[in-house]
Amino acid sequence: MVQSRAVTVDEYLRGVDAPWAPVVAEFRSLCRTILVGYAEVMAYGMPTYQRADTTEVAFARQVRHLSLYIAKPGVLDAHRHECRGLSVGKGCIRFTRPDQVDWNLVHALLTETVASPERPC
């Protein structure tokens, strides 16, 4: 999957390949549980979570990895040390295998995104 043409998140999830489908479903579940007050929408071809019409979190299954986007740089920067062995960009963590996902890290990133007063970039 490069950029999905799915109109809904449910449709997006149905298109995820088998090894990644449970991981993507868990990302969605955590986002829906932790990101209270956020709108879940499809934007940029991926599930995004917006507060005040601004994307703060997103995830996408790419050809070679699953990306988790955290739009508040301070939140991601505070956890870079926990991302050893992963490809980490300015606002993105790329997981190349389903077993690389650290669910405690994902939970912390989502929880801190909600609490952070920082503006998303």
N, C-alpha and C. Protein backbone atom coordinates (compact mmCIF):
# COMPACT_ATOMS: atom_id res chain seq x y z
N MET A 1 0.86 -1.17 0.00
CA MET A 1 0.00 0.00 0.00
C MET A 1 0.90 1.24 0.00
N VAL A 2 0.75 2.10 -0.95
CA VAL A 2 1.54 3.32 -0.99
C VAL A 2 0.70 4.47 -0.45
N GLN A 3 -0.30 4.87 -1.17
CA GLN A 3 -1.24 5.84 -0.65
C GLN A 3 -2.63 5.30 -0.94
N SER A 4 -3.37 5.10 0.10
CA SER A 4 -4.68 4.48 -0.04
C SER A 4 -5.69 5.44 -0.65
N ARG A 5 -6.59 4.87 -1.39
CA ARG A 5 -7.73 5.63 -1.91
C ARG A 5 -8.97 5.38 -1.08
N ALA A 6 -8.80 4.72 0.06
CA ALA A 6 -9.93 4.42 0.94
C ALA A 6 -10.58 5.72 1.40
N VAL A 7 -11.88 5.67 1.50
CA VAL A 7 -12.64 6.84 1.93
C VAL A 7 -12.84 6.84 3.45
N THR A 8 -12.90 5.64 4.03
CA THR A 8 -13.09 5.51 5.47
C THR A 8 -11.94 4.71 6.08
N VAL A 9 -11.77 4.85 7.37
CA VAL A 9 -10.73 4.08 8.06
C VAL A 9 -11.07 2.59 8.02
N ASP A 10 -12.33 2.24 8.15
CA ASP A 10 -12.72 0.83 8.04
C ASP A 10 -12.28 0.25 6.70
N GLU A 11 -12.52 0.98 5.63
CA GLU A 11 -12.11 0.54 4.30
C GLU A 11 -10.59 0.41 4.22
N TYR A 12 -9.88 1.37 4.80
CA TYR A 12 -8.41 1.34 4.83
C TYR A 12 -7.92 0.06 5.51
N LEU A 13 -8.49 -0.25 6.66
CA LEU A 13 -8.06 -1.44 7.41
C LEU A 13 -8.31 -2.72 6.62
N ARG A 14 -9.38 -2.78 5.87
CA ARG A 14 -9.66 -3.97 5.06
C ARG A 14 -8.60 -4.18 3.98
N GLY A 15 -7.89 -3.13 3.59
CA GLY A 15 -6.87 -3.23 2.55
C GLY A 15 -5.47 -3.52 3.04
N VAL A 16 -5.28 -3.64 4.35
CA VAL A 16 -3.94 -3.88 4.91
C VAL A 16 -3.59 -5.36 4.79
N ASP A 17 -2.34 -5.63 4.38
CA ASP A 17 -1.89 -7.01 4.21
C ASP A 17 -1.86 -7.77 5.54
N ALA A 18 -2.04 -9.08 5.43
CA ALA A 18 -2.24 -9.95 6.59
C ALA A 18 -1.20 -9.81 7.71
N PRO A 19 0.10 -9.80 7.45
CA PRO A 19 1.02 -9.72 8.58
C PRO A 19 0.87 -8.43 9.41
N TRP A 20 0.43 -7.37 8.75
CA TRP A 20 0.32 -6.07 9.41
C TRP A 20 -1.08 -5.75 9.91
N ALA A 21 -2.09 -6.47 9.44
CA ALA A 21 -3.47 -6.14 9.78
C ALA A 21 -3.73 -6.05 11.29
N PRO A 22 -3.24 -7.01 12.12
CA PRO A 22 -3.49 -6.89 13.56
C PRO A 22 -2.78 -5.68 14.18
N VAL A 23 -1.61 -5.34 13.66
CA VAL A 23 -0.87 -4.18 14.18
C VAL A 23 -1.62 -2.90 13.87
N VAL A 24 -2.07 -2.77 12.64
CA VAL A 24 -2.81 -1.57 12.23
C VAL A 24 -4.11 -1.47 13.03
N ALA A 25 -4.78 -2.59 13.24
CA ALA A 25 -6.01 -2.58 14.04
C ALA A 25 -5.72 -2.13 15.47
N GLU A 26 -4.60 -2.55 16.03
CA GLU A 26 -4.23 -2.14 17.39
C GLU A 26 -3.86 -0.66 17.44
N PHE A 27 -3.15 -0.16 16.41
CA PHE A 27 -2.88 1.29 16.34
C PHE A 27 -4.20 2.05 16.40
N ARG A 28 -5.15 1.62 15.58
CA ARG A 28 -6.44 2.31 15.55
C ARG A 28 -7.13 2.24 16.91
N SER A 29 -7.13 1.07 17.51
CA SER A 29 -7.78 0.91 18.81
C SER A 29 -7.17 1.83 19.86
N LEU A 30 -5.85 1.88 19.91
CA LEU A 30 -5.19 2.77 20.88
C LEU A 30 -5.51 4.23 20.58
N CYS A 31 -5.49 4.61 19.31
CA CYS A 31 -5.80 6.00 18.96
C CYS A 31 -7.22 6.36 19.39
N ARG A 32 -8.16 5.47 19.14
CA ARG A 32 -9.56 5.75 19.49
C ARG A 32 -9.77 5.78 21.00
N THR A 33 -8.98 5.01 21.73
CA THR A 33 -9.10 4.98 23.19
C THR A 33 -8.43 6.17 23.85
N ILE A 34 -7.22 6.50 23.39
CA ILE A 34 -6.41 7.52 24.06
C ILE A 34 -6.70 8.93 23.54
N LEU A 35 -6.93 9.06 22.26
CA LEU A 35 -7.10 10.39 21.67
C LEU A 35 -8.55 10.86 21.79
N VAL A 36 -9.01 10.97 23.01
CA VAL A 36 -10.39 11.38 23.29
C VAL A 36 -10.60 12.82 22.81
N GLY A 37 -11.68 13.03 22.09
CA GLY A 37 -11.98 14.36 21.57
C GLY A 37 -11.38 14.62 20.20
N TYR A 38 -10.65 13.67 19.65
CA TYR A 38 -10.06 13.80 18.32
C TYR A 38 -11.02 13.21 17.30
N ALA A 39 -10.98 13.76 16.11
CA ALA A 39 -11.76 13.21 15.00
C ALA A 39 -10.88 12.22 14.24
N GLU A 40 -11.44 11.06 13.94
CA GLU A 40 -10.75 10.07 13.12
C GLU A 40 -11.20 10.28 11.69
N VAL A 41 -10.26 10.61 10.81
CA VAL A 41 -10.59 10.87 9.41
C VAL A 41 -9.52 10.28 8.51
N MET A 42 -9.87 10.10 7.26
CA MET A 42 -8.88 9.75 6.25
C MET A 42 -8.37 11.05 5.66
N ALA A 43 -7.07 11.24 5.70
CA ALA A 43 -6.43 12.42 5.11
C ALA A 43 -5.05 11.99 4.62
N TYR A 44 -4.62 12.54 3.51
CA TYR A 44 -3.32 12.20 2.96
C TYR A 44 -3.21 10.70 2.67
N GLY A 45 -4.34 10.03 2.45
CA GLY A 45 -4.36 8.62 2.14
C GLY A 45 -4.10 7.70 3.32
N MET A 46 -4.31 8.21 4.54
CA MET A 46 -4.08 7.38 5.72
C MET A 46 -5.01 7.81 6.86
N PRO A 47 -5.20 6.93 7.84
CA PRO A 47 -5.98 7.31 9.02
C PRO A 47 -5.25 8.41 9.79
N THR A 48 -5.97 9.46 10.08
CA THR A 48 -5.40 10.57 10.85
C THR A 48 -6.34 10.91 12.00
N TYR A 49 -5.75 11.51 13.01
CA TYR A 49 -6.49 11.90 14.22
C TYR A 49 -6.26 13.38 14.42
N GLN A 50 -7.37 14.11 14.35
CA GLN A 50 -7.30 15.56 14.34
C GLN A 50 -8.00 16.16 15.55
N ARG A 51 -7.39 17.22 16.04
CA ARG A 51 -8.01 18.04 17.08
C ARG A 51 -8.05 19.45 16.52
N ALA A 52 -9.21 20.07 16.57
CA ALA A 52 -9.41 21.42 16.02
C ALA A 52 -8.97 21.45 14.55
N ASP A 53 -9.37 20.42 13.79
CA ASP A 53 -9.08 20.33 12.36
C ASP A 53 -7.60 20.27 12.01
N THR A 54 -6.76 19.93 12.98
CA THR A 54 -5.32 19.82 12.75
C THR A 54 -4.87 18.40 13.07
N THR A 55 -4.19 17.78 12.14
CA THR A 55 -3.69 16.42 12.35
C THR A 55 -2.59 16.42 13.39
N GLU A 56 -2.74 15.55 14.40
CA GLU A 56 -1.72 15.40 15.43
C GLU A 56 -1.09 14.02 15.40
N VAL A 57 -1.82 13.02 14.91
CA VAL A 57 -1.34 11.64 14.84
C VAL A 57 -1.87 11.02 13.56
N ALA A 58 -1.05 10.17 12.95
CA ALA A 58 -1.50 9.41 11.78
C ALA A 58 -0.66 8.14 11.71
N PHE A 59 -1.16 7.19 10.95
CA PHE A 59 -0.36 5.99 10.68
C PHE A 59 -0.66 5.51 9.28
N ALA A 60 0.31 4.81 8.69
CA ALA A 60 0.13 4.33 7.33
C ALA A 60 0.98 3.09 7.09
N ARG A 61 0.39 2.13 6.44
CA ARG A 61 1.12 0.95 6.00
C ARG A 61 1.71 1.29 4.64
N GLN A 62 3.03 1.30 4.56
CA GLN A 62 3.75 1.58 3.32
C GLN A 62 4.25 0.27 2.73
N VAL A 63 4.94 0.32 1.61
CA VAL A 63 5.41 -0.90 0.96
C VAL A 63 6.36 -1.68 1.86
N ARG A 64 7.30 -0.97 2.51
CA ARG A 64 8.33 -1.66 3.28
C ARG A 64 8.24 -1.45 4.79
N HIS A 65 7.27 -0.70 5.24
CA HIS A 65 7.18 -0.43 6.67
C HIS A 65 5.80 0.11 7.05
N LEU A 66 5.61 0.25 8.34
CA LEU A 66 4.43 0.93 8.87
C LEU A 66 4.93 2.20 9.54
N SER A 67 4.36 3.31 9.18
CA SER A 67 4.78 4.59 9.73
C SER A 67 3.79 5.09 10.76
N LEU A 68 4.32 5.60 11.85
CA LEU A 68 3.52 6.29 12.87
C LEU A 68 3.98 7.73 12.87
N TYR A 69 3.06 8.64 12.61
CA TYR A 69 3.37 10.07 12.55
C TYR A 69 2.90 10.74 13.83
N ILE A 70 3.82 11.44 14.48
CA ILE A 70 3.52 12.23 15.68
C ILE A 70 3.86 13.67 15.31
N ALA A 71 2.86 14.53 15.24
CA ALA A 71 3.04 15.89 14.71
C ALA A 71 3.52 16.91 15.74
N LYS A 72 3.72 16.48 16.96
CA LYS A 72 4.27 17.38 17.98
C LYS A 72 5.72 16.97 18.22
N PRO A 73 6.67 17.73 17.64
CA PRO A 73 8.08 17.32 17.68
C PRO A 73 8.61 17.05 19.08
N GLY A 74 8.20 17.82 20.04
CA GLY A 74 8.69 17.64 21.40
C GLY A 74 8.30 16.29 21.99
N VAL A 75 7.14 15.81 21.62
CA VAL A 75 6.67 14.50 22.10
C VAL A 75 7.57 13.40 21.54
N LEU A 76 7.80 13.42 20.24
CA LEU A 76 8.65 12.40 19.63
C LEU A 76 10.10 12.54 20.11
N ASP A 77 10.60 13.76 20.18
CA ASP A 77 11.98 13.97 20.62
C ASP A 77 12.24 13.41 22.01
N ALA A 78 11.25 13.49 22.89
CA ALA A 78 11.41 12.99 24.26
C ALA A 78 11.56 11.47 24.30
N HIS A 79 11.24 10.79 23.20
CA HIS A 79 11.28 9.33 23.18
C HIS A 79 12.24 8.76 22.13
N ARG A 80 13.04 9.61 21.52
CA ARG A 80 13.97 9.12 20.48
C ARG A 80 14.90 8.04 21.02
N HIS A 81 15.30 8.16 22.26
CA HIS A 81 16.21 7.16 22.84
C HIS A 81 15.57 5.78 22.91
N GLU A 82 14.25 5.71 22.88
CA GLU A 82 13.54 4.43 22.93
C GLU A 82 13.35 3.82 21.53
N CYS A 83 13.82 4.51 20.52
CA CYS A 83 13.60 4.09 19.14
C CYS A 83 14.86 3.51 18.50
N ARG A 84 15.80 3.06 19.32
CA ARG A 84 17.02 2.48 18.76
C ARG A 84 16.67 1.32 17.84
N GLY A 85 17.34 1.27 16.70
CA GLY A 85 17.10 0.20 15.74
C GLY A 85 15.96 0.48 14.78
N LEU A 86 15.26 1.59 14.97
CA LEU A 86 14.17 1.97 14.09
C LEU A 86 14.57 3.16 13.24
N SER A 87 13.94 3.33 12.13
CA SER A 87 14.13 4.51 11.31
C SER A 87 13.21 5.60 11.85
N VAL A 88 13.81 6.70 12.29
CA VAL A 88 13.03 7.79 12.88
C VAL A 88 13.35 9.08 12.14
N GLY A 89 12.32 9.75 11.70
CA GLY A 89 12.48 11.03 11.02
C GLY A 89 12.05 12.16 11.93
N LYS A 90 11.80 13.30 11.34
CA LYS A 90 11.40 14.49 12.10
C LYS A 90 10.13 14.26 12.90
N GLY A 91 9.16 13.58 12.31
CA GLY A 91 7.90 13.35 13.00
C GLY A 91 7.35 11.96 12.74
N CYS A 92 8.23 11.02 12.42
CA CYS A 92 7.77 9.72 11.97
C CYS A 92 8.66 8.60 12.52
N ILE A 93 8.03 7.52 12.93
CA ILE A 93 8.74 6.30 13.29
C ILE A 93 8.33 5.25 12.28
N ARG A 94 9.31 4.55 11.71
CA ARG A 94 9.03 3.52 10.71
C ARG A 94 9.38 2.15 11.28
N PHE A 95 8.38 1.29 11.32
CA PHE A 95 8.55 -0.08 11.80
C PHE A 95 8.61 -0.98 10.57
N THR A 96 9.69 -1.75 10.42
CA THR A 96 9.84 -2.60 9.24
C THR A 96 9.29 -4.01 9.45
N ARG A 97 9.04 -4.37 10.70
CA ARG A 97 8.46 -5.68 11.02
C ARG A 97 7.41 -5.49 12.12
N PRO A 98 6.35 -6.26 12.08
CA PRO A 98 5.31 -6.13 13.12
C PRO A 98 5.85 -6.32 14.54
N ASP A 99 6.84 -7.18 14.72
CA ASP A 99 7.36 -7.42 16.07
C ASP A 99 8.23 -6.28 16.60
N GLN A 100 8.51 -5.28 15.79
CA GLN A 100 9.29 -4.12 16.25
C GLN A 100 8.45 -3.12 17.03
N VAL A 101 7.15 -3.21 16.92
CA VAL A 101 6.29 -2.21 17.56
C VAL A 101 6.36 -2.38 19.08
N ASP A 102 6.77 -1.32 19.74
CA ASP A 102 6.82 -1.27 21.20
C ASP A 102 5.52 -0.59 21.64
N TRP A 103 4.58 -1.39 22.13
CA TRP A 103 3.26 -0.86 22.47
C TRP A 103 3.30 0.10 23.64
N ASN A 104 4.25 -0.06 24.55
CA ASN A 104 4.40 0.91 25.64
C ASN A 104 4.83 2.27 25.09
N LEU A 105 5.72 2.26 24.11
CA LEU A 105 6.15 3.50 23.47
C LEU A 105 4.99 4.16 22.74
N VAL A 106 4.23 3.39 21.97
CA VAL A 106 3.09 3.94 21.24
C VAL A 106 2.09 4.55 22.22
N HIS A 107 1.81 3.85 23.29
CA HIS A 107 0.88 4.36 24.31
C HIS A 107 1.39 5.68 24.88
N ALA A 108 2.68 5.75 25.21
CA ALA A 108 3.27 6.98 25.76
C ALA A 108 3.19 8.12 24.76
N LEU A 109 3.50 7.86 23.50
CA LEU A 109 3.45 8.91 22.48
C LEU A 109 2.04 9.47 22.32
N LEU A 110 1.06 8.59 22.31
CA LEU A 110 -0.33 9.05 22.17
C LEU A 110 -0.79 9.82 23.40
N THR A 111 -0.48 9.30 24.57
CA THR A 111 -0.88 9.96 25.82
C THR A 111 -0.24 11.34 25.94
N GLU A 112 1.03 11.42 25.60
CA GLU A 112 1.73 12.71 25.70
C GLU A 112 1.30 13.69 24.61
N THR A 113 0.89 13.17 23.47
CA THR A 113 0.34 14.05 22.43
C THR A 113 -0.90 14.76 22.95
N VAL A 114 -1.77 14.03 23.60
CA VAL A 114 -3.00 14.62 24.15
C VAL A 114 -2.65 15.70 25.18
N ALA A 115 -1.69 15.42 26.05
CA ALA A 115 -1.36 16.33 27.15
C ALA A 115 -0.52 17.52 26.73
N SER A 116 0.20 17.40 25.64
CA SER A 116 1.15 18.44 25.23
C SER A 116 0.45 19.69 24.71
N PRO A 117 0.86 20.87 25.21
CA PRO A 117 0.31 22.12 24.67
C PRO A 117 1.00 22.57 23.39
N GLU A 118 2.03 21.82 22.98
CA GLU A 118 2.78 22.18 21.77
C GLU A 118 1.88 22.15 20.54
N ARG A 119 2.15 23.08 19.64
CA ARG A 119 1.40 23.11 18.37
C ARG A 119 1.98 22.07 17.43
N PRO A 120 1.14 21.33 16.73
CA PRO A 120 1.65 20.37 15.75
C PRO A 120 2.35 21.10 14.59
N CYS A 121 3.35 20.45 14.03
CA CYS A 121 4.04 21.06 12.88
C CYS A 121 3.42 20.59 11.60
